[in-house]
């Protein structure tokens, strides 16, 4: 679908180690800044126990999970908005992503260099946020300059946008990101068109050590508090351990997780949270031949969901036959859902819900 979550942070906080674990690729990970220059891109299966259960009960021959794309973006440094480090290139890479996973170092290790000399996750967050805000201020200034002629010609829409951007500019000048700026849907659409870096949804990945994952530490708690103030998500992980887990086969992985007291790899939550952060939901098609999870944006209609399978399905859409996964799981079979009167026929205006099991009727 071309929808990607960018992994950002200061140098040496564990971004590439996290990316390697997520994708089981070998993005270069080294103990020096800027070991990642060009962004690495990986497509990752989204872990979903619902698909596993569908496969078991339908005794299907094939299953296809849904996916999410991650982009490993090189470490930003103070001054990136002015081109420091490889700032302009990195900021451009962030602009092309739809959401941001901000990796923050929450562990002490004298063998791993910290670019600013000490572990302070809130300071690190502020550095990244400030650089992104400064770049956004520049973007808003350029848009205001482009509007100037239209405003002088008494263009009503241009005047409204100019007023909106002046308010946004004042908001950014206080050090607050665009995503926390309050405006109506029309204003949000205008802001979205400028592709501001701080308008993207963010989750914090608190990269800590094994003890920090088990019971937390002062650094993880500081990030949690900051995220709560912003209404953001925090996922604590130990990227080093996750990288080890990702290299194990299924049986050894279960034993390793049990030894650590973990029910699932921390990466599974990172993937699921990134998927939700991107505004994506899953619907299923299920049968003996194949059970498949399909990705659509929240708010998609039934014809749009059908179009994900094939454009002809959307063009010739007649109706969708729908049952909720929760009903199917509770009652135990498709027939039981039908007998309970919970198997529905939906038309073109139906808004797809996460977990819907759908079958489409269409004209060729």
Protein backbone atom coordinates (compact mmCIF):
# COMPACT_ATOMS: atom_id res chain seq x y z
CA UNK A 1 0.00 0.00 0.00
CA UNK A 2 3.02 2.28 0.14
CA UNK A 3 2.34 3.24 3.77
CA UNK A 4 5.48 3.36 5.91
CA UNK A 5 6.58 3.96 9.50
CA UNK A 6 9.97 5.65 9.81
CA UNK A 7 12.34 4.64 12.62
CA UNK A 8 14.11 7.77 13.89
CA UNK A 9 16.30 8.84 16.79
CA UNK A 10 19.75 10.10 17.69
CA UNK A 11 22.79 8.09 16.56
CA UNK A 12 23.58 4.93 18.56
CA UNK A 13 20.20 4.54 20.28
CA UNK A 14 19.49 1.14 18.67
CA UNK A 15 17.52 2.07 15.53
CA UNK A 16 19.34 -0.26 13.15
CA UNK A 17 19.42 -3.07 15.71
CA UNK A 18 15.66 -2.70 16.05
CA UNK A 19 15.23 -2.64 12.28
CA UNK A 20 17.37 -5.77 11.89
CA UNK A 21 15.24 -7.57 14.44
CA UNK A 22 11.98 -6.40 12.85
CA UNK A 23 12.90 -7.44 9.37
CA UNK A 24 15.56 -10.11 10.01
CA UNK A 25 17.61 -8.09 7.51
CA UNK A 26 21.16 -7.00 8.12
CA UNK A 27 21.05 -3.21 8.14
CA UNK A 28 24.49 -2.04 9.23
CA UNK A 29 24.65 -1.56 12.99
CA UNK A 30 27.87 -0.15 14.41
CA UNK A 31 29.12 1.83 17.39
CA UNK A 32 29.61 5.13 15.56
CA UNK A 33 27.28 7.85 14.25
CA UNK A 34 25.91 7.78 10.68
CA UNK A 35 26.58 4.10 10.01
CA UNK A 36 23.18 4.26 8.28
CA UNK A 37 23.16 6.82 5.44
CA UNK A 38 20.59 5.63 2.93
CA UNK A 39 17.30 4.50 4.49
CA UNK A 40 16.81 0.75 4.72
CA UNK A 41 13.28 -0.42 3.94
CA UNK A 42 11.67 -3.63 5.17
CA UNK A 43 8.18 -5.12 4.88
CA UNK A 44 7.14 -6.96 8.04
CA UNK A 45 4.28 -9.40 8.68
CA UNK A 46 1.82 -8.14 11.29
CA UNK A 47 1.37 -10.80 14.00
CA UNK A 48 -2.34 -11.51 14.38
CA UNK A 49 -3.65 -14.45 16.43
CA UNK A 50 -7.04 -14.08 14.70
CA UNK A 51 -5.55 -15.24 11.39
CA UNK A 52 -3.96 -18.24 13.09
CA UNK A 53 -7.30 -19.31 14.53
CA UNK A 54 -9.07 -18.87 11.18
CA UNK A 55 -6.47 -21.10 9.57
CA UNK A 56 -6.96 -23.79 12.23
CA UNK A 57 -10.76 -23.93 12.05
CA UNK A 58 -11.09 -23.58 8.28
CA UNK A 59 -8.25 -26.14 7.88
CA UNK A 60 -6.96 -23.94 5.12
CA UNK A 61 -4.18 -24.79 2.68
CA UNK A 62 -2.58 -21.33 2.75
CA UNK A 63 -2.50 -18.25 4.96
CA UNK A 64 -1.34 -14.76 4.08
CA UNK A 65 -0.82 -12.19 6.86
CA UNK A 66 -1.04 -8.47 6.39
CA UNK A 67 2.14 -6.36 6.39
CA UNK A 68 3.55 -3.02 7.46
CA UNK A 69 6.56 -1.21 6.02
CA UNK A 70 9.38 0.12 8.20
CA UNK A 71 12.09 2.56 7.10
CA UNK A 72 15.36 2.75 9.05
CA UNK A 73 16.38 6.42 8.89
CA UNK A 74 19.88 7.48 9.90
CA UNK A 75 20.42 9.24 13.22
CA UNK A 76 19.56 12.93 13.45
CA UNK A 77 21.78 15.37 15.33
CA UNK A 78 21.39 18.87 16.71
CA UNK A 79 21.46 21.27 13.77
CA UNK A 80 19.96 18.78 11.30
CA UNK A 81 17.34 21.35 10.25
CA UNK A 82 20.25 23.53 9.06
CA UNK A 83 22.01 20.65 7.31
CA UNK A 84 24.26 19.46 10.16
CA UNK A 85 25.35 15.83 9.93
CA UNK A 86 23.40 14.62 6.92
CA UNK A 87 20.35 16.54 8.07
CA UNK A 88 18.64 17.57 4.85
CA UNK A 89 18.72 14.04 3.43
CA UNK A 90 17.45 12.47 6.64
CA UNK A 91 14.64 14.99 7.08
CA UNK A 92 13.53 14.30 3.52
CA UNK A 93 13.38 10.59 4.35
CA UNK A 94 11.12 11.30 7.34
CA UNK A 95 8.86 13.44 5.15
CA UNK A 96 8.20 10.44 2.93
CA UNK A 97 6.95 8.34 5.87
CA UNK A 98 3.40 8.35 7.25
CA UNK A 99 4.22 7.83 10.94
CA UNK A 100 7.27 7.85 13.18
CA UNK A 101 8.69 5.31 15.63
CA UNK A 102 11.04 7.40 17.79
CA UNK A 103 13.68 5.14 19.36
CA UNK A 104 14.98 6.53 22.65
CA UNK A 105 17.97 5.16 24.55
CA UNK A 106 16.95 4.08 28.05
CA UNK A 107 20.00 2.04 29.08
CA UNK A 108 23.51 2.73 30.33
CA UNK A 109 26.47 1.01 28.68
CA UNK A 110 29.96 2.50 28.74
CA UNK A 111 30.83 0.43 25.67
CA UNK A 112 28.17 2.13 23.53
CA UNK A 113 28.93 5.75 22.73
CA UNK A 114 26.19 8.31 23.39
CA UNK A 115 26.40 11.17 20.93
CA UNK A 116 25.81 13.72 23.72
CA UNK A 117 27.92 12.00 26.37
CA UNK A 118 25.22 10.71 28.74
CA UNK A 119 21.85 8.97 28.91
CA UNK A 120 18.98 11.47 29.12
CA UNK A 121 15.96 10.31 27.09
CA UNK A 122 13.93 13.50 27.53
CA UNK A 123 16.85 15.60 26.32
CA UNK A 124 17.21 13.27 23.34
CA UNK A 125 13.50 13.57 22.53
CA UNK A 126 13.73 17.36 22.74
CA UNK A 127 16.66 17.46 20.31
CA UNK A 128 14.80 15.45 17.67
CA UNK A 129 11.53 17.32 18.19
CA UNK A 130 13.26 20.71 18.00
CA UNK A 131 14.97 19.88 14.72
CA UNK A 132 11.71 18.70 13.19
CA UNK A 133 9.85 21.78 14.43
CA UNK A 134 12.53 24.10 13.02
CA UNK A 135 12.20 22.43 9.64
CA UNK A 136 8.41 22.78 9.83
CA UNK A 137 8.73 26.49 10.62
CA UNK A 138 10.75 26.82 7.43
CA UNK A 139 8.09 24.91 5.47
CA UNK A 140 5.29 27.12 6.82
CA UNK A 141 7.29 30.26 5.94
CA UNK A 142 7.69 29.04 2.35
CA UNK A 143 3.97 28.32 2.06
CA UNK A 144 3.11 31.78 3.42
CA UNK A 145 5.38 33.35 0.80
CA UNK A 146 3.62 31.36 -1.91
CA UNK A 147 0.23 32.61 -0.64
CA UNK A 148 1.26 36.28 -0.64
CA UNK A 149 0.25 37.07 -4.22
CA UNK A 150 -3.08 35.30 -3.87
CA UNK A 151 -3.87 37.19 -0.67
CA UNK A 152 -3.07 40.49 -2.39
CA UNK A 153 -5.51 39.49 -5.14
CA UNK A 154 -8.21 39.06 -2.45
CA UNK A 155 -8.44 35.28 -2.82
CA UNK A 156 -10.76 34.23 0.03
CA UNK A 157 -9.34 30.71 0.45
CA UNK A 158 -5.78 32.06 0.45
CA UNK A 159 -6.67 34.56 3.18
CA UNK A 160 -8.19 31.80 5.33
CA UNK A 161 -5.13 29.62 4.87
CA UNK A 162 -2.81 32.53 5.64
CA UNK A 163 -4.62 33.18 8.92
CA UNK A 164 -4.48 29.49 9.79
CA UNK A 165 -0.75 29.26 9.06
CA UNK A 166 0.02 32.35 11.13
CA UNK A 167 -1.71 30.63 14.07
CA UNK A 168 0.20 27.41 13.38
CA UNK A 169 3.44 29.37 13.13
CA UNK A 170 2.85 30.84 16.60
CA UNK A 171 2.11 27.33 17.89
CA UNK A 172 5.37 25.95 16.45
CA UNK A 173 7.32 28.90 17.84
CA UNK A 174 6.37 27.77 21.36
CA UNK A 175 8.13 24.45 20.68
CA UNK A 176 4.95 22.42 20.18
CA UNK A 177 4.52 20.01 17.24
CA UNK A 178 1.97 20.50 14.49
CA UNK A 179 0.05 17.37 15.52
CA UNK A 180 -1.03 19.11 18.77
CA UNK A 181 -2.35 22.18 16.93
CA UNK A 182 -6.15 22.42 17.20
CA UNK A 183 -8.15 23.26 14.07
CA UNK A 184 -11.16 22.06 12.05
CA UNK A 185 -11.07 19.39 9.33
CA UNK A 186 -10.59 21.95 6.56
CA UNK A 187 -7.61 23.45 8.37
CA UNK A 188 -6.12 20.03 9.06
CA UNK A 189 -6.39 19.19 5.35
CA UNK A 190 -4.55 22.42 4.46
CA UNK A 191 -1.80 21.62 6.97
CA UNK A 192 -1.55 18.04 5.72
CA UNK A 193 -0.88 19.32 2.19
CA UNK A 194 2.34 20.98 3.41
CA UNK A 195 3.66 17.60 4.66
CA UNK A 196 4.95 18.87 7.97
CA UNK A 197 7.31 16.56 9.84
CA UNK A 198 5.70 17.08 13.26
CA UNK A 199 2.21 16.46 11.89
CA UNK A 200 2.93 12.74 11.71
CA UNK A 201 1.71 10.44 14.52
CA UNK A 202 4.50 9.25 16.83
CA UNK A 203 5.19 6.36 19.15
CA UNK A 204 8.19 6.11 21.43
CA UNK A 205 10.22 2.90 21.47
CA UNK A 206 12.10 2.88 24.79
CA UNK A 207 15.20 0.80 24.06
CA UNK A 208 16.35 -0.50 27.41
CA UNK A 209 18.16 -3.51 28.88
CA UNK A 210 16.67 -6.83 30.02
CA UNK A 211 15.98 -5.55 33.53
CA UNK A 212 14.34 -2.41 32.11
CA UNK A 213 11.95 -4.53 30.03
CA UNK A 214 11.04 -6.68 33.03
CA UNK A 215 10.52 -3.99 35.65
CA UNK A 216 11.22 -0.62 34.03
CA UNK A 217 13.76 1.97 35.13
CA UNK A 218 13.97 5.72 35.66
CA UNK A 219 14.58 6.35 31.96
CA UNK A 220 11.61 4.29 30.76
CA UNK A 221 9.35 5.96 33.34
CA UNK A 222 10.48 9.41 32.19
CA UNK A 223 9.52 8.52 28.61
CA UNK A 224 6.17 7.13 29.78
CA UNK A 225 5.40 10.40 31.56
CA UNK A 226 6.33 12.44 28.50
CA UNK A 227 4.21 10.23 26.24
CA UNK A 228 1.21 10.48 28.60
CA UNK A 229 1.37 14.27 28.38
CA UNK A 230 1.33 14.04 24.57
CA UNK A 231 -1.22 11.23 24.29
CA UNK A 232 1.46 9.10 22.61
CA UNK A 233 2.27 5.38 22.84
CA UNK A 234 5.35 3.89 24.55
CA UNK A 235 6.69 0.40 23.81
CA UNK A 236 9.65 -0.69 25.99
CA UNK A 237 11.93 -3.24 24.32
CA UNK A 238 15.48 -4.50 24.53
CA UNK A 239 16.57 -4.29 20.90
CA UNK A 240 19.63 -6.46 21.56
CA UNK A 241 17.50 -9.30 22.96
CA UNK A 242 14.89 -8.87 20.22
CA UNK A 243 17.63 -9.24 17.62
CA UNK A 244 18.67 -12.53 19.25
CA UNK A 245 15.06 -13.77 19.40
CA UNK A 246 14.51 -12.99 15.73
CA UNK A 247 17.30 -15.37 14.74
CA UNK A 248 15.86 -18.38 16.60
CA UNK A 249 13.57 -21.03 15.16
CA UNK A 250 10.01 -21.27 16.51
CA UNK A 251 10.70 -23.91 19.20
CA UNK A 252 13.83 -22.25 20.57
CA UNK A 253 12.09 -18.87 20.47
CA UNK A 254 9.29 -20.11 22.73
CA UNK A 255 11.80 -21.50 25.23
CA UNK A 256 13.84 -18.30 25.18
CA UNK A 257 10.73 -16.16 25.73
CA UNK A 258 9.63 -18.41 28.60
CA UNK A 259 13.02 -18.00 30.27
CA UNK A 260 12.62 -14.24 30.00
CA UNK A 261 9.06 -14.35 31.34
CA UNK A 262 7.66 -12.93 28.08
CA UNK A 263 4.52 -14.15 26.31
CA UNK A 264 5.59 -12.72 22.95
CA UNK A 265 8.52 -10.77 21.50
CA UNK A 266 8.38 -7.05 22.23
CA UNK A 267 8.69 -6.54 18.50
CA UNK A 268 5.21 -7.95 17.97
CA UNK A 269 3.76 -5.02 19.89
CA UNK A 270 5.99 -2.56 18.05
CA UNK A 271 4.63 -3.91 14.75
CA UNK A 272 0.99 -3.85 15.87
CA UNK A 273 1.28 -0.35 17.34
CA UNK A 274 2.95 0.93 14.16
CA UNK A 275 0.14 -0.61 12.12
CA UNK A 276 -2.47 1.21 14.20
CA UNK A 277 -0.42 4.41 14.21
CA UNK A 278 -0.56 4.40 10.42
CA UNK A 279 -4.36 4.39 10.59
CA UNK A 280 -4.67 0.83 9.28
CA UNK A 281 -7.13 -1.95 10.11
CA UNK A 282 -7.45 -5.58 9.02
CA UNK A 283 -10.28 -7.51 7.46
CA UNK A 284 -10.20 -11.20 6.54
CA UNK A 285 -11.26 -13.52 3.76
CA UNK A 286 -11.44 -17.14 4.84
CA UNK A 287 -12.03 -20.54 3.27
CA UNK A 288 -10.48 -23.94 2.66
CA UNK A 289 -8.25 -22.67 -0.14
CA UNK A 290 -6.86 -19.63 1.69
CA UNK A 291 -7.22 -17.45 4.77
CA UNK A 292 -5.87 -13.98 4.21
CA UNK A 293 -5.59 -10.74 6.18
CA UNK A 294 -6.10 -7.58 4.13
CA UNK A 295 -5.01 -4.05 4.99
CA UNK A 296 -7.29 -1.03 4.59
CA UNK A 297 -7.30 2.45 6.06
CA UNK A 298 -9.72 3.20 8.88
CA UNK A 299 -12.92 4.58 7.41
CA UNK A 300 -12.72 2.57 4.19
CA UNK A 301 -15.99 1.53 2.54
CA UNK A 302 -16.82 -2.01 1.46
CA UNK A 303 -16.08 -1.26 -2.25
CA UNK A 304 -12.71 0.25 -1.29
CA UNK A 305 -11.92 -2.87 0.75
CA UNK A 306 -12.88 -5.02 -2.23
CA UNK A 307 -10.56 -2.91 -4.41
CA UNK A 308 -7.60 -3.97 -2.27
CA UNK A 309 -8.11 -7.50 -3.58
CA UNK A 310 -8.59 -6.38 -7.20
CA UNK A 311 -9.67 -3.12 -8.83
CA UNK A 312 -12.38 -5.02 -10.72
CA UNK A 313 -13.97 -5.97 -7.39
CA UNK A 314 -14.41 -2.30 -6.55
CA UNK A 315 -15.64 -1.28 -10.00
CA UNK A 316 -18.21 -4.08 -10.18
CA UNK A 317 -19.12 -4.14 -6.48
CA UNK A 318 -22.65 -5.42 -5.75
CA UNK A 319 -22.60 -6.28 -2.06
CA UNK A 320 -20.48 -7.64 0.78
CA UNK A 321 -21.35 -10.57 3.02
CA UNK A 322 -19.96 -9.77 6.46
CA UNK A 323 -19.55 -11.32 9.88
CA UNK A 324 -17.56 -9.99 12.80
CA UNK A 325 -14.55 -12.04 13.87
CA UNK A 326 -15.71 -11.70 17.48
CA UNK A 327 -19.06 -13.36 16.61
CA UNK A 328 -17.34 -16.09 14.61
CA UNK A 329 -14.86 -16.75 17.44
CA UNK A 330 -17.57 -16.77 20.11
CA UNK A 331 -20.00 -19.01 18.21
CA UNK A 332 -17.37 -21.31 16.67
CA UNK A 333 -18.31 -21.43 13.00
CA UNK A 334 -19.66 -19.51 10.03
CA UNK A 335 -22.87 -21.54 10.06
CA UNK A 336 -23.43 -20.74 13.74
CA UNK A 337 -23.09 -17.03 12.95
CA UNK A 338 -25.72 -17.40 10.22
CA UNK A 339 -28.04 -19.35 12.51
CA UNK A 340 -27.74 -16.56 15.10
CA UNK A 341 -28.77 -13.97 12.50
CA UNK A 342 -25.43 -12.18 12.72
CA UNK A 343 -24.32 -12.83 9.13
CA UNK A 344 -25.03 -9.58 7.30
CA UNK A 345 -25.43 -8.25 3.76
CA UNK A 346 -23.85 -4.79 3.41
CA UNK A 347 -23.90 -2.29 0.54
CA UNK A 348 -21.65 0.39 -0.89
CA UNK A 349 -21.87 2.71 2.12
CA UNK A 350 -20.77 0.14 4.69
CA UNK A 351 -17.67 1.20 6.66
CA UNK A 352 -15.36 -1.73 7.23
CA UNK A 353 -14.52 -2.58 10.84
CA UNK A 354 -11.33 -4.15 12.13
CA UNK A 355 -11.76 -7.92 12.23
CA UNK A 356 -14.58 -8.16 9.70
CA UNK A 357 -14.66 -11.44 7.76
CA UNK A 358 -15.89 -10.50 4.29
CA UNK A 359 -16.96 -12.06 1.00
CA UNK A 360 -17.65 -9.86 -2.03
CA UNK A 361 -20.18 -10.16 -4.84
CA UNK A 362 -19.41 -8.20 -7.97
CA UNK A 363 -20.06 -7.90 -11.70
CA UNK A 364 -17.18 -8.67 -14.04
